[in-house]
Amino acid sequence: MLIIETQDIIKDYDMGDIKVRALNGINLTIEQGEFVAIMGPSGSGKSTLMHIIGCLDTPTQGNYILDNLTVSKLRKSELAAIRNKKVGFVFQTFNLLPHLNVLKNVELPLMYAGMAFKDRIKRAKEILASVGLSDRLKHKPSELSGGQRQRVAIARAIVNKPTILLADEPTGNLDTQAGGDILSIFNELHAQGHTIIIVTHDLAVANRANRIIRIIDGKIVDGDIAA
């Protein structure tokens, strides 16, 4: 089943009197359960594409369909609701709340979703157990290693059972061992049926995916070009 479809996506930014085109006609499809890597050098447009796929931004032109819903024309408030329900994010910098412990960080999306207290605590503990952090529930992010923080971020990203899991350079701040462990978790999640999109410039990371989409100068040059 088709989960993601972009149709002639264009994204322009106004830089003073100059208009900069970050994306120039992106046609992309991703099926449910795929593990896809989006690669490109700095300035290629891959981060802009990630923001649109993750409903953090909207295209200047074109349509974006996520799970049979055209989201490219939605208002900011509507996009926020879609993000909370359908997209799980994992960032290079973890983006954990430093004043909350591990359990509270993972529980937070469930609180926004309106889940009852007992149910969300149970769910958060189950997810943290699945990434090997049952013994770190009361720890603050500052008390964890980088690899452990990223495990918390992954747990938070999947706790709401999102339609897609979107990771932006998820091993960029980790050493080789911790990065490999994190990629193994992504492989396990994919095996469980999760749809995963990793944005990276690292070929070793991209090779963990089943399909690599390369983007240069705002255009897809390999991996998924519409006929």
N, C-alpha and C. Protein backbone atom coordinates (compact mmCIF):
# COMPACT_ATOMS: atom_id res chain seq x y z
N MET A 1 0.84 -1.20 0.00
CA MET A 1 0.00 0.00 0.00
C MET A 1 0.87 1.25 0.00
N LEU A 2 0.50 2.22 -0.82
CA LEU A 2 1.25 3.45 -0.93
C LEU A 2 1.03 4.33 0.31
N ILE A 3 2.12 4.70 0.96
CA ILE A 3 2.05 5.55 2.16
C ILE A 3 2.39 6.99 1.84
N ILE A 4 3.38 7.19 0.98
CA ILE A 4 3.85 8.53 0.64
C ILE A 4 3.86 8.71 -0.87
N GLU A 5 3.31 9.83 -1.33
CA GLU A 5 3.42 10.20 -2.73
C GLU A 5 3.59 11.71 -2.83
N THR A 6 4.64 12.13 -3.50
CA THR A 6 4.80 13.55 -3.81
C THR A 6 4.64 13.74 -5.31
N GLN A 7 3.95 14.80 -5.68
CA GLN A 7 3.64 15.06 -7.08
C GLN A 7 4.17 16.44 -7.47
N ASP A 8 5.26 16.43 -8.21
CA ASP A 8 5.86 17.67 -8.74
C ASP A 8 6.08 18.72 -7.65
N ILE A 9 6.69 18.29 -6.55
CA ILE A 9 6.91 19.20 -5.42
C ILE A 9 7.99 20.23 -5.75
N ILE A 10 7.64 21.48 -5.58
CA ILE A 10 8.58 22.60 -5.70
C ILE A 10 8.58 23.36 -4.38
N LYS A 11 9.77 23.74 -3.91
CA LYS A 11 9.87 24.56 -2.71
C LYS A 11 10.84 25.71 -2.96
N ASP A 12 10.31 26.93 -2.86
CA ASP A 12 11.11 28.14 -3.03
C ASP A 12 11.23 28.87 -1.70
N TYR A 13 12.38 29.49 -1.50
CA TYR A 13 12.60 30.34 -0.33
C TYR A 13 12.98 31.73 -0.82
N ASP A 14 12.44 32.75 -0.16
CA ASP A 14 12.82 34.12 -0.48
C ASP A 14 13.99 34.54 0.39
N MET A 15 15.13 34.85 -0.24
CA MET A 15 16.33 35.31 0.46
C MET A 15 16.55 36.77 0.06
N GLY A 16 15.82 37.66 0.75
CA GLY A 16 15.85 39.05 0.36
C GLY A 16 15.12 39.23 -0.97
N ASP A 17 15.82 39.75 -1.95
CA ASP A 17 15.23 39.94 -3.28
C ASP A 17 15.43 38.72 -4.17
N ILE A 18 16.09 37.72 -3.65
CA ILE A 18 16.43 36.53 -4.44
C ILE A 18 15.53 35.37 -4.04
N LYS A 19 15.03 34.65 -5.04
CA LYS A 19 14.23 33.45 -4.78
C LYS A 19 15.12 32.23 -5.00
N VAL A 20 15.24 31.40 -3.98
CA VAL A 20 16.08 30.20 -4.05
C VAL A 20 15.18 28.97 -4.15
N ARG A 21 15.40 28.14 -5.14
CA ARG A 21 14.60 26.93 -5.33
C ARG A 21 15.32 25.75 -4.66
N ALA A 22 14.76 25.26 -3.54
CA ALA A 22 15.37 24.15 -2.81
C ALA A 22 14.97 22.80 -3.37
N LEU A 23 13.72 22.70 -3.84
CA LEU A 23 13.23 21.47 -4.47
C LEU A 23 12.64 21.84 -5.83
N ASN A 24 12.95 21.02 -6.84
CA ASN A 24 12.58 21.38 -8.20
C ASN A 24 11.90 20.21 -8.92
N GLY A 25 10.66 19.93 -8.51
CA GLY A 25 9.88 18.90 -9.19
C GLY A 25 10.14 17.51 -8.66
N ILE A 26 9.86 17.29 -7.38
CA ILE A 26 10.12 16.00 -6.74
C ILE A 26 8.91 15.08 -6.89
N ASN A 27 9.12 13.95 -7.54
CA ASN A 27 8.11 12.89 -7.65
C ASN A 27 8.65 11.65 -6.94
N LEU A 28 7.97 11.27 -5.89
CA LEU A 28 8.48 10.22 -5.01
C LEU A 28 7.33 9.36 -4.49
N THR A 29 7.54 8.05 -4.45
CA THR A 29 6.56 7.16 -3.84
C THR A 29 7.27 6.22 -2.87
N ILE A 30 6.64 5.98 -1.74
CA ILE A 30 7.14 5.05 -0.73
C ILE A 30 5.99 4.16 -0.27
N GLU A 31 6.22 2.88 -0.29
CA GLU A 31 5.21 1.90 0.10
C GLU A 31 5.25 1.64 1.60
N GLN A 32 4.13 1.19 2.14
CA GLN A 32 4.07 0.79 3.54
C GLN A 32 5.09 -0.32 3.80
N GLY A 33 5.85 -0.16 4.89
CA GLY A 33 6.82 -1.17 5.28
C GLY A 33 8.17 -1.05 4.62
N GLU A 34 8.38 -0.04 3.78
CA GLU A 34 9.68 0.14 3.15
C GLU A 34 10.68 0.76 4.13
N PHE A 35 11.97 0.51 3.89
CA PHE A 35 13.07 1.15 4.59
C PHE A 35 13.88 1.88 3.52
N VAL A 36 13.76 3.22 3.52
CA VAL A 36 14.31 4.05 2.46
C VAL A 36 15.32 5.02 3.05
N ALA A 37 16.43 5.21 2.33
CA ALA A 37 17.39 6.25 2.68
C ALA A 37 17.35 7.33 1.61
N ILE A 38 17.34 8.59 2.05
CA ILE A 38 17.44 9.73 1.15
C ILE A 38 18.82 10.33 1.34
N MET A 39 19.61 10.30 0.26
CA MET A 39 21.00 10.77 0.33
C MET A 39 21.18 12.02 -0.52
N GLY A 40 22.14 12.83 -0.11
CA GLY A 40 22.50 13.99 -0.90
C GLY A 40 23.52 14.82 -0.16
N PRO A 41 24.34 15.57 -0.88
CA PRO A 41 25.32 16.44 -0.22
C PRO A 41 24.64 17.62 0.46
N SER A 42 25.40 18.35 1.23
CA SER A 42 24.89 19.55 1.87
C SER A 42 24.36 20.51 0.82
N GLY A 43 23.15 21.03 1.04
CA GLY A 43 22.54 21.96 0.09
C GLY A 43 21.80 21.30 -1.05
N SER A 44 21.68 19.98 -1.01
CA SER A 44 21.03 19.26 -2.12
C SER A 44 19.51 19.37 -2.09
N GLY A 45 18.96 19.67 -0.91
CA GLY A 45 17.51 19.73 -0.77
C GLY A 45 16.94 18.60 0.06
N LYS A 46 17.80 17.69 0.55
CA LYS A 46 17.28 16.53 1.27
C LYS A 46 16.63 16.93 2.59
N SER A 47 17.17 17.94 3.28
CA SER A 47 16.55 18.37 4.53
C SER A 47 15.20 19.05 4.27
N THR A 48 15.12 19.83 3.19
CA THR A 48 13.84 20.45 2.83
C THR A 48 12.81 19.38 2.51
N LEU A 49 13.23 18.36 1.78
CA LEU A 49 12.31 17.26 1.46
C LEU A 49 11.87 16.55 2.73
N MET A 50 12.80 16.34 3.67
CA MET A 50 12.44 15.72 4.94
C MET A 50 11.39 16.54 5.68
N HIS A 51 11.55 17.87 5.67
CA HIS A 51 10.61 18.74 6.38
C HIS A 51 9.21 18.64 5.76
N ILE A 52 9.15 18.50 4.45
CA ILE A 52 7.85 18.37 3.80
C ILE A 52 7.25 17.00 4.08
N ILE A 53 8.05 15.94 3.96
CA ILE A 53 7.56 14.59 4.25
C ILE A 53 7.07 14.50 5.70
N GLY A 54 7.78 15.18 6.60
CA GLY A 54 7.41 15.14 8.02
C GLY A 54 6.36 16.16 8.42
N CYS A 55 5.80 16.86 7.47
CA CYS A 55 4.74 17.87 7.73
C CYS A 55 5.24 19.01 8.61
N LEU A 56 6.55 19.28 8.53
CA LEU A 56 7.11 20.44 9.21
C LEU A 56 7.07 21.68 8.33
N ASP A 57 6.84 21.47 7.03
CA ASP A 57 6.77 22.56 6.07
C ASP A 57 5.84 22.15 4.94
N THR A 58 5.45 23.10 4.13
CA THR A 58 4.56 22.82 2.99
C THR A 58 5.25 23.25 1.70
N PRO A 59 4.94 22.60 0.59
CA PRO A 59 5.56 22.97 -0.68
C PRO A 59 5.01 24.27 -1.24
N THR A 60 5.81 24.92 -2.07
CA THR A 60 5.36 26.10 -2.79
C THR A 60 4.37 25.70 -3.88
N GLN A 61 4.68 24.59 -4.55
CA GLN A 61 3.80 24.02 -5.57
C GLN A 61 3.83 22.50 -5.46
N GLY A 62 2.78 21.87 -5.98
CA GLY A 62 2.73 20.42 -5.99
C GLY A 62 1.92 19.86 -4.84
N ASN A 63 1.72 18.56 -4.85
CA ASN A 63 0.91 17.88 -3.83
C ASN A 63 1.74 16.85 -3.07
N TYR A 64 1.43 16.74 -1.79
CA TYR A 64 2.01 15.70 -0.95
C TYR A 64 0.88 14.92 -0.31
N ILE A 65 0.86 13.62 -0.55
CA ILE A 65 -0.18 12.74 -0.02
C ILE A 65 0.47 11.77 0.97
N LEU A 66 0.01 11.82 2.22
CA LEU A 66 0.52 10.96 3.29
C LEU A 66 -0.62 10.08 3.79
N ASP A 67 -0.48 8.79 3.60
CA ASP A 67 -1.47 7.84 4.08
C ASP A 67 -2.88 8.21 3.59
N ASN A 68 -2.98 8.46 2.28
CA ASN A 68 -4.23 8.79 1.58
C ASN A 68 -4.81 10.16 1.94
N LEU A 69 -4.03 10.99 2.61
CA LEU A 69 -4.49 12.34 2.98
C LEU A 69 -3.59 13.37 2.32
N THR A 70 -4.20 14.30 1.56
CA THR A 70 -3.43 15.37 0.93
C THR A 70 -3.12 16.42 1.99
N VAL A 71 -1.85 16.47 2.39
CA VAL A 71 -1.47 17.33 3.51
C VAL A 71 -0.78 18.61 3.05
N SER A 72 -0.49 18.73 1.76
CA SER A 72 0.30 19.86 1.27
C SER A 72 -0.40 21.20 1.41
N LYS A 73 -1.71 21.21 1.55
CA LYS A 73 -2.46 22.47 1.62
C LYS A 73 -3.04 22.74 3.02
N LEU A 74 -2.66 21.93 4.00
CA LEU A 74 -3.25 22.08 5.33
C LEU A 74 -2.67 23.28 6.07
N ARG A 75 -3.43 23.80 7.02
CA ARG A 75 -2.96 24.88 7.87
C ARG A 75 -1.97 24.34 8.91
N LYS A 76 -1.23 25.25 9.55
CA LYS A 76 -0.20 24.84 10.51
C LYS A 76 -0.79 24.01 11.65
N SER A 77 -1.95 24.40 12.14
CA SER A 77 -2.57 23.65 13.24
C SER A 77 -2.94 22.24 12.81
N GLU A 78 -3.39 22.13 11.57
CA GLU A 78 -3.75 20.81 11.04
C GLU A 78 -2.50 19.96 10.81
N LEU A 79 -1.43 20.59 10.35
CA LEU A 79 -0.17 19.86 10.17
C LEU A 79 0.36 19.34 11.50
N ALA A 80 0.21 20.13 12.55
CA ALA A 80 0.68 19.69 13.87
C ALA A 80 -0.06 18.44 14.32
N ALA A 81 -1.35 18.40 14.07
CA ALA A 81 -2.14 17.21 14.45
C ALA A 81 -1.71 15.99 13.64
N ILE A 82 -1.43 16.19 12.36
CA ILE A 82 -0.96 15.09 11.50
C ILE A 82 0.39 14.58 11.99
N ARG A 83 1.30 15.51 12.31
CA ARG A 83 2.63 15.11 12.81
C ARG A 83 2.51 14.25 14.06
N ASN A 84 1.68 14.66 14.98
CA ASN A 84 1.56 13.92 16.24
C ASN A 84 1.00 12.52 16.03
N LYS A 85 0.15 12.38 15.04
CA LYS A 85 -0.52 11.10 14.82
C LYS A 85 0.22 10.18 13.86
N LYS A 86 0.83 10.75 12.83
CA LYS A 86 1.32 9.93 11.73
C LYS A 86 2.84 9.90 11.55
N VAL A 87 3.59 10.81 12.21
CA VAL A 87 5.02 10.90 11.97
C VAL A 87 5.79 10.80 13.29
N GLY A 88 6.77 9.90 13.32
CA GLY A 88 7.71 9.83 14.43
C GLY A 88 9.05 10.36 13.97
N PHE A 89 9.65 11.27 14.75
CA PHE A 89 10.90 11.91 14.36
C PHE A 89 12.06 11.44 15.23
N VAL A 90 13.20 11.21 14.59
CA VAL A 90 14.46 10.96 15.30
C VAL A 90 15.49 11.91 14.70
N PHE A 91 16.09 12.77 15.55
CA PHE A 91 17.02 13.78 15.08
C PHE A 91 18.45 13.47 15.51
N GLN A 92 19.40 14.04 14.78
CA GLN A 92 20.81 13.87 15.11
C GLN A 92 21.12 14.36 16.52
N THR A 93 20.47 15.44 16.96
CA THR A 93 20.74 16.04 18.25
C THR A 93 19.79 15.55 19.35
N PHE A 94 19.06 14.49 19.09
CA PHE A 94 18.18 13.80 20.04
C PHE A 94 16.90 14.57 20.38
N ASN A 95 17.04 15.90 20.66
CA ASN A 95 15.88 16.76 20.96
C ASN A 95 15.05 16.26 22.14
N LEU A 96 15.73 15.73 23.15
CA LEU A 96 15.04 15.34 24.37
C LEU A 96 14.90 16.56 25.29
N LEU A 97 13.87 16.55 26.12
CA LEU A 97 13.68 17.64 27.08
C LEU A 97 14.56 17.38 28.30
N PRO A 98 15.54 18.24 28.57
CA PRO A 98 16.55 17.94 29.59
C PRO A 98 16.01 17.87 31.02
N HIS A 99 14.89 18.55 31.29
CA HIS A 99 14.37 18.57 32.65
C HIS A 99 13.45 17.39 32.95
N LEU A 100 13.14 16.59 31.93
CA LEU A 100 12.28 15.42 32.12
C LEU A 100 13.12 14.14 32.11
N ASN A 101 12.69 13.16 32.91
CA ASN A 101 13.41 11.89 32.88
C ASN A 101 13.03 11.10 31.62
N VAL A 102 13.67 9.95 31.48
CA VAL A 102 13.48 9.13 30.29
C VAL A 102 12.01 8.77 30.09
N LEU A 103 11.38 8.29 31.14
CA LEU A 103 9.98 7.87 31.03
C LEU A 103 9.08 9.03 30.62
N LYS A 104 9.29 10.20 31.22
CA LYS A 104 8.45 11.35 30.90
C LYS A 104 8.67 11.83 29.47
N ASN A 105 9.92 11.77 28.99
CA ASN A 105 10.19 12.15 27.61
C ASN A 105 9.41 11.29 26.62
N VAL A 106 9.37 9.98 26.90
CA VAL A 106 8.70 9.06 25.99
C VAL A 106 7.18 9.14 26.15
N GLU A 107 6.74 9.46 27.34
CA GLU A 107 5.30 9.56 27.61
C GLU A 107 4.66 10.78 26.95
N LEU A 108 5.47 11.80 26.68
CA LEU A 108 4.94 13.10 26.25
C LEU A 108 4.04 13.04 25.02
N PRO A 109 4.42 12.35 23.93
CA PRO A 109 3.51 12.31 22.77
C PRO A 109 2.16 11.68 23.09
N LEU A 110 2.14 10.73 24.00
CA LEU A 110 0.89 10.08 24.39
C LEU A 110 0.02 11.05 25.19
N MET A 111 0.65 11.92 25.96
CA MET A 111 -0.09 12.94 26.71
C MET A 111 -0.77 13.90 25.73
N TYR A 112 -0.01 14.34 24.69
CA TYR A 112 -0.58 15.23 23.69
C TYR A 112 -1.72 14.55 22.93
N ALA A 113 -1.62 13.23 22.80
CA ALA A 113 -2.65 12.47 22.08
C ALA A 113 -3.89 12.22 22.93
N GLY A 114 -3.81 12.55 24.22
CA GLY A 114 -4.97 12.42 25.09
C GLY A 114 -5.13 11.05 25.73
N MET A 115 -4.09 10.24 25.73
CA MET A 115 -4.18 8.91 26.34
C MET A 115 -4.22 9.02 27.86
N ALA A 116 -4.97 8.15 28.50
CA ALA A 116 -5.09 8.15 29.96
C ALA A 116 -3.74 7.87 30.61
N PHE A 117 -3.54 8.40 31.83
CA PHE A 117 -2.24 8.35 32.50
C PHE A 117 -1.71 6.92 32.63
N LYS A 118 -2.51 6.01 33.16
CA LYS A 118 -2.04 4.64 33.37
C LYS A 118 -1.68 3.95 32.07
N ASP A 119 -2.49 4.21 31.04
CA ASP A 119 -2.23 3.58 29.74
C ASP A 119 -0.95 4.10 29.11
N ARG A 120 -0.72 5.41 29.24
CA ARG A 120 0.49 5.95 28.61
C ARG A 120 1.75 5.55 29.36
N ILE A 121 1.68 5.40 30.68
CA ILE A 121 2.85 4.92 31.44
C ILE A 121 3.17 3.49 31.04
N LYS A 122 2.16 2.66 30.93
CA LYS A 122 2.36 1.27 30.52
C LYS A 122 2.96 1.19 29.14
N ARG A 123 2.41 1.97 28.21
CA ARG A 123 2.90 1.95 26.83
C ARG A 123 4.35 2.45 26.76
N ALA A 124 4.66 3.54 27.46
CA ALA A 124 6.01 4.09 27.44
C ALA A 124 7.02 3.10 28.01
N LYS A 125 6.66 2.41 29.09
CA LYS A 125 7.56 1.42 29.67
C LYS A 125 7.80 0.25 28.72
N GLU A 126 6.75 -0.16 28.02
CA GLU A 126 6.89 -1.27 27.06
C GLU A 126 7.84 -0.89 25.93
N ILE A 127 7.70 0.32 25.42
CA ILE A 127 8.55 0.76 24.32
C ILE A 127 10.00 0.92 24.77
N LEU A 128 10.20 1.46 25.96
CA LEU A 128 11.56 1.61 26.48
C LEU A 128 12.21 0.25 26.72
N ALA A 129 11.42 -0.72 27.14
CA ALA A 129 11.96 -2.08 27.30
C ALA A 129 12.41 -2.64 25.96
N SER A 130 11.68 -2.32 24.91
CA SER A 130 12.00 -2.86 23.58
C SER A 130 13.31 -2.31 23.02
N VAL A 131 13.76 -1.14 23.54
CA VAL A 131 15.06 -0.59 23.10
C VAL A 131 16.12 -0.73 24.20
N GLY A 132 15.84 -1.58 25.19
CA GLY A 132 16.84 -1.94 26.19
C GLY A 132 17.09 -0.90 27.25
N LEU A 133 16.07 -0.13 27.64
CA LEU A 133 16.27 0.95 28.61
C LEU A 133 15.36 0.84 29.83
N SER A 134 14.93 -0.36 30.17
CA SER A 134 14.06 -0.53 31.34
C SER A 134 14.73 -0.07 32.63
N ASP A 135 16.06 -0.09 32.67
CA ASP A 135 16.79 0.29 33.89
C ASP A 135 17.19 1.76 33.90
N ARG A 136 16.65 2.54 32.98
CA ARG A 136 17.02 3.97 32.90
C ARG A 136 15.80 4.89 32.96
N LEU A 137 14.68 4.40 33.42
CA LEU A 137 13.44 5.16 33.35
C LEU A 137 13.50 6.50 34.08
N LYS A 138 14.18 6.54 35.21
CA LYS A 138 14.20 7.75 36.04
C LYS A 138 15.41 8.65 35.76
N HIS A 139 16.25 8.25 34.82
CA HIS A 139 17.43 9.04 34.51
C HIS A 139 17.06 10.24 33.63
N LYS A 140 17.77 11.35 33.82
CA LYS A 140 17.65 12.50 32.94
C LYS A 140 18.56 12.29 31.72
N PRO A 141 18.26 12.97 30.60
CA PRO A 141 19.11 12.80 29.41
C PRO A 141 20.59 13.04 29.66
N SER A 142 20.91 14.00 30.54
CA SER A 142 22.32 14.31 30.83
C SER A 142 23.05 13.16 31.52
N GLU A 143 22.29 12.21 32.06
CA GLU A 143 22.88 11.06 32.75
C GLU A 143 23.05 9.85 31.84
N LEU A 144 22.78 10.03 30.56
CA LEU A 144 22.85 8.94 29.59
C LEU A 144 23.97 9.16 28.59
N SER A 145 24.45 8.08 27.99
CA SER A 145 25.38 8.19 26.87
C SER A 145 24.64 8.66 25.63
N GLY A 146 25.39 9.03 24.59
CA GLY A 146 24.76 9.45 23.35
C GLY A 146 23.89 8.36 22.74
N GLY A 147 24.40 7.13 22.76
CA GLY A 147 23.63 6.02 22.22
C GLY A 147 22.34 5.78 22.98
N GLN A 148 22.41 5.91 24.31
CA GLN A 148 21.20 5.74 25.13
C GLN A 148 20.21 6.85 24.86
N ARG A 149 20.69 8.08 24.70
CA ARG A 149 19.78 9.19 24.38
C ARG A 149 19.07 8.96 23.06
N GLN A 150 19.80 8.42 22.08
CA GLN A 150 19.15 8.17 20.80
C GLN A 150 18.14 7.03 20.91
N ARG A 151 18.39 6.07 21.78
CA ARG A 151 17.40 5.01 22.02
C ARG A 151 16.12 5.60 22.62
N VAL A 152 16.29 6.56 23.53
CA VAL A 152 15.12 7.25 24.10
C VAL A 152 14.36 7.98 23.00
N ALA A 153 15.12 8.65 22.12
CA ALA A 153 14.49 9.40 21.03
C ALA A 153 13.71 8.46 20.10
N ILE A 154 14.27 7.27 19.84
CA ILE A 154 13.57 6.30 19.00
C ILE A 154 12.31 5.82 19.70
N ALA A 155 12.41 5.53 21.00
CA ALA A 155 11.24 5.09 21.76
C ALA A 155 10.14 6.15 21.72
N ARG A 156 10.53 7.40 21.91
CA ARG A 156 9.55 8.49 21.85
C ARG A 156 8.92 8.59 20.46
N ALA A 157 9.73 8.34 19.42
CA ALA A 157 9.23 8.47 18.05
C ALA A 157 8.21 7.39 17.69
N ILE A 158 8.34 6.20 18.28
CA ILE A 158 7.45 5.10 17.89
C ILE A 158 6.35 4.83 18.90
N VAL A 159 6.35 5.55 20.03
CA VAL A 159 5.41 5.23 21.09
C VAL A 159 3.96 5.45 20.65
N ASN A 160 3.75 6.38 19.72
CA ASN A 160 2.40 6.70 19.24
C ASN A 160 1.98 5.86 18.05
N LYS A 161 2.80 4.86 17.71
CA LYS A 161 2.54 3.98 16.55
C LYS A 161 2.30 4.81 15.28
N PRO A 162 3.31 5.61 14.88
CA PRO A 162 3.13 6.49 13.72
C PRO A 162 3.09 5.71 12.41
N THR A 163 2.58 6.36 11.39
CA THR A 163 2.55 5.78 10.05
C THR A 163 3.95 5.65 9.48
N ILE A 164 4.78 6.69 9.69
CA ILE A 164 6.16 6.66 9.22
C ILE A 164 7.11 7.08 10.33
N LEU A 165 8.33 6.52 10.30
CA LEU A 165 9.40 6.92 11.20
C LEU A 165 10.44 7.63 10.35
N LEU A 166 10.70 8.89 10.69
CA LEU A 166 11.58 9.75 9.90
C LEU A 166 12.81 10.11 10.73
N ALA A 167 14.00 9.71 10.25
CA ALA A 167 15.23 9.92 10.99
C ALA A 167 16.18 10.81 10.21
N ASP A 168 16.66 11.88 10.84
CA ASP A 168 17.56 12.83 10.20
C ASP A 168 18.96 12.65 10.77
N GLU A 169 19.87 12.05 9.99
CA GLU A 169 21.25 11.79 10.41
C GLU A 169 21.28 11.20 11.83
N PRO A 170 20.59 10.08 12.06
CA PRO A 170 20.41 9.59 13.43
C PRO A 170 21.68 9.10 14.12
N THR A 171 22.74 8.86 13.36
CA THR A 171 24.00 8.42 13.97
C THR A 171 25.08 9.49 13.92
N GLY A 172 24.71 10.70 13.50
CA GLY A 172 25.70 11.75 13.27
C GLY A 172 26.49 12.17 14.49
N ASN A 173 25.91 12.04 15.69
CA ASN A 173 26.60 12.44 16.91
C ASN A 173 27.09 11.25 17.73
N LEU A 174 27.16 10.07 17.11
CA LEU A 174 27.50 8.85 17.84
C LEU A 174 28.81 8.26 17.32
N ASP A 175 29.49 7.52 18.21
CA ASP A 175 30.67 6.80 17.76
C ASP A 175 30.24 5.58 16.94
N THR A 176 31.21 4.89 16.38
CA THR A 176 30.91 3.80 15.45
C THR A 176 30.09 2.70 16.11
N GLN A 177 30.46 2.31 17.32
CA GLN A 177 29.75 1.24 18.00
C GLN A 177 28.30 1.63 18.31
N ALA A 178 28.12 2.80 18.89
CA ALA A 178 26.77 3.25 19.24
C ALA A 178 25.94 3.46 17.97
N GLY A 179 26.57 4.00 16.92
CA GLY A 179 25.85 4.21 15.67
C GLY A 179 25.39 2.90 15.07
N GLY A 180 26.25 1.88 15.12
CA GLY A 180 25.86 0.56 14.62
C GLY A 180 24.71 -0.03 15.39
N ASP A 181 24.72 0.17 16.72
CA ASP A 181 23.62 -0.33 17.56
C ASP A 181 22.30 0.34 17.19
N ILE A 182 22.36 1.64 16.95
CA ILE A 182 21.14 2.38 16.58
C ILE A 182 20.61 1.90 15.23
N LEU A 183 21.50 1.69 14.27
CA LEU A 183 21.06 1.20 12.97
C LEU A 183 20.47 -0.19 13.07
N SER A 184 20.99 -1.00 13.98
CA SER A 184 20.42 -2.34 14.20
C SER A 184 18.99 -2.24 14.73
N ILE A 185 18.74 -1.24 15.58
CA ILE A 185 17.37 -1.03 16.07
C ILE A 185 16.45 -0.66 14.92
N PHE A 186 16.92 0.20 14.01
CA PHE A 186 16.10 0.54 12.84
C PHE A 186 15.81 -0.69 12.00
N ASN A 187 16.80 -1.56 11.83
CA ASN A 187 16.58 -2.80 11.08
C ASN A 187 15.54 -3.68 11.77
N GLU A 188 15.59 -3.74 13.10
CA GLU A 188 14.61 -4.53 13.85
C GLU A 188 13.21 -3.94 13.68
N LEU A 189 13.11 -2.62 13.75
CA LEU A 189 11.81 -1.96 13.59
C LEU A 189 11.26 -2.20 12.19
N HIS A 190 12.13 -2.17 11.20
CA HIS A 190 11.70 -2.45 9.84
C HIS A 190 11.18 -3.88 9.72
N ALA A 191 11.88 -4.80 10.36
CA ALA A 191 11.45 -6.20 10.33
C ALA A 191 10.07 -6.38 10.97
N GLN A 192 9.74 -5.48 11.91
CA GLN A 192 8.44 -5.54 12.57
C GLN A 192 7.33 -4.88 11.74
N GLY A 193 7.71 -4.27 10.61
CA GLY A 193 6.72 -3.68 9.72
C GLY A 193 6.68 -2.17 9.67
N HIS A 194 7.58 -1.51 10.39
CA HIS A 194 7.59 -0.04 10.37
C HIS A 194 8.08 0.49 9.02
N THR A 195 7.49 1.61 8.59
CA THR A 195 7.96 2.33 7.42
C THR A 195 8.99 3.35 7.89
N ILE A 196 10.22 3.24 7.40
CA ILE A 196 11.33 4.05 7.90
C ILE A 196 11.98 4.82 6.77
N ILE A 197 12.22 6.11 7.02
CA ILE A 197 12.93 6.97 6.07
C ILE A 197 14.09 7.61 6.81
N ILE A 198 15.31 7.33 6.36
CA ILE A 198 16.50 7.93 6.95
C ILE A 198 17.09 8.93 5.97
N VAL A 199 17.32 10.15 6.43
CA VAL A 199 17.98 11.17 5.64
C VAL A 199 19.44 11.23 6.08
N THR A 200 20.37 11.05 5.14
CA THR A 200 21.78 10.95 5.52
C THR A 200 22.68 11.34 4.36
N HIS A 201 23.91 11.67 4.69
CA HIS A 201 24.95 11.86 3.66
C HIS A 201 25.95 10.71 3.71
N ASP A 202 25.75 9.76 4.64
CA ASP A 202 26.68 8.67 4.91
C ASP A 202 26.23 7.41 4.18
N LEU A 203 27.03 6.94 3.24
CA LEU A 203 26.66 5.77 2.45
C LEU A 203 26.56 4.52 3.32
N ALA A 204 27.40 4.40 4.35
CA ALA A 204 27.33 3.24 5.23
C ALA A 204 25.99 3.17 5.95
N VAL A 205 25.45 4.33 6.31
CA VAL A 205 24.13 4.38 6.94
C VAL A 205 23.05 4.06 5.90
N ALA A 206 23.16 4.67 4.73
CA ALA A 206 22.17 4.46 3.68
C ALA A 206 22.09 3.00 3.25
N ASN A 207 23.22 2.32 3.29
CA ASN A 207 23.24 0.92 2.85
C ASN A 207 22.46 -0.01 3.77
N ARG A 208 22.08 0.46 4.94
CA ARG A 208 21.22 -0.33 5.82
C ARG A 208 19.78 -0.38 5.31
N ALA A 209 19.42 0.56 4.45
CA ALA A 209 18.07 0.63 3.91
C ALA A 209 17.93 -0.34 2.74
N ASN A 210 16.70 -0.56 2.32
CA ASN A 210 16.43 -1.42 1.17
C ASN A 210 16.44 -0.65 -0.15
N ARG A 211 16.34 0.68 -0.05
CA ARG A 211 16.33 1.50 -1.26
C ARG A 211 16.97 2.84 -0.95
N ILE A 212 17.82 3.30 -1.85
CA ILE A 212 18.49 4.59 -1.68
C ILE A 212 17.98 5.55 -2.76
N ILE A 213 17.51 6.71 -2.30
CA ILE A 213 17.06 7.77 -3.20
C ILE A 213 18.07 8.90 -3.10
N ARG A 214 18.67 9.26 -4.23
CA ARG A 214 19.69 10.31 -4.24
C ARG A 214 19.10 11.60 -4.79
N ILE A 215 19.40 12.70 -4.10
CA ILE A 215 18.89 14.00 -4.50
C ILE A 215 20.05 14.98 -4.63
N ILE A 216 20.09 15.70 -5.75
CA ILE A 216 21.12 16.70 -6.01
C ILE A 216 20.45 17.92 -6.62
N ASP A 217 20.81 19.10 -6.10
CA ASP A 217 20.27 20.36 -6.61
C ASP A 217 18.75 20.36 -6.70
N GLY A 218 18.12 19.78 -5.69
CA GLY A 218 16.66 19.81 -5.60
C GLY A 218 15.93 18.83 -6.48
N LYS A 219 16.68 17.90 -7.12
CA LYS A 219 16.06 16.92 -8.00
C LYS A 219 16.50 15.51 -7.63
N ILE A 220 15.61 14.55 -7.77
CA ILE A 220 15.97 13.16 -7.59
C ILE A 220 16.74 12.70 -8.83
N VAL A 221 17.93 12.16 -8.58
CA VAL A 221 18.77 11.73 -9.71
C VAL A 221 18.88 10.21 -9.80
N ASP A 222 18.43 9.51 -8.75
CA ASP A 222 18.54 8.05 -8.76
C ASP A 222 17.66 7.50 -7.65
N GLY A 223 16.98 6.37 -7.93
CA GLY A 223 16.29 5.66 -6.88
C GLY A 223 14.79 5.73 -6.95
N ASP A 224 14.22 6.83 -7.42
CA ASP A 224 12.77 6.94 -7.51
C ASP A 224 12.41 8.11 -8.39
N ILE A 225 12.37 7.89 -9.67
CA ILE A 225 12.00 8.94 -10.62
C ILE A 225 10.71 8.53 -11.31
N ALA A 226 9.70 9.36 -11.21
CA ALA A 226 8.40 9.01 -11.81
C ALA A 226 8.53 8.98 -13.33
N ALA A 227 7.75 8.10 -13.93
CA ALA A 227 7.77 7.98 -15.40
C ALA A 227 7.14 9.24 -16.03
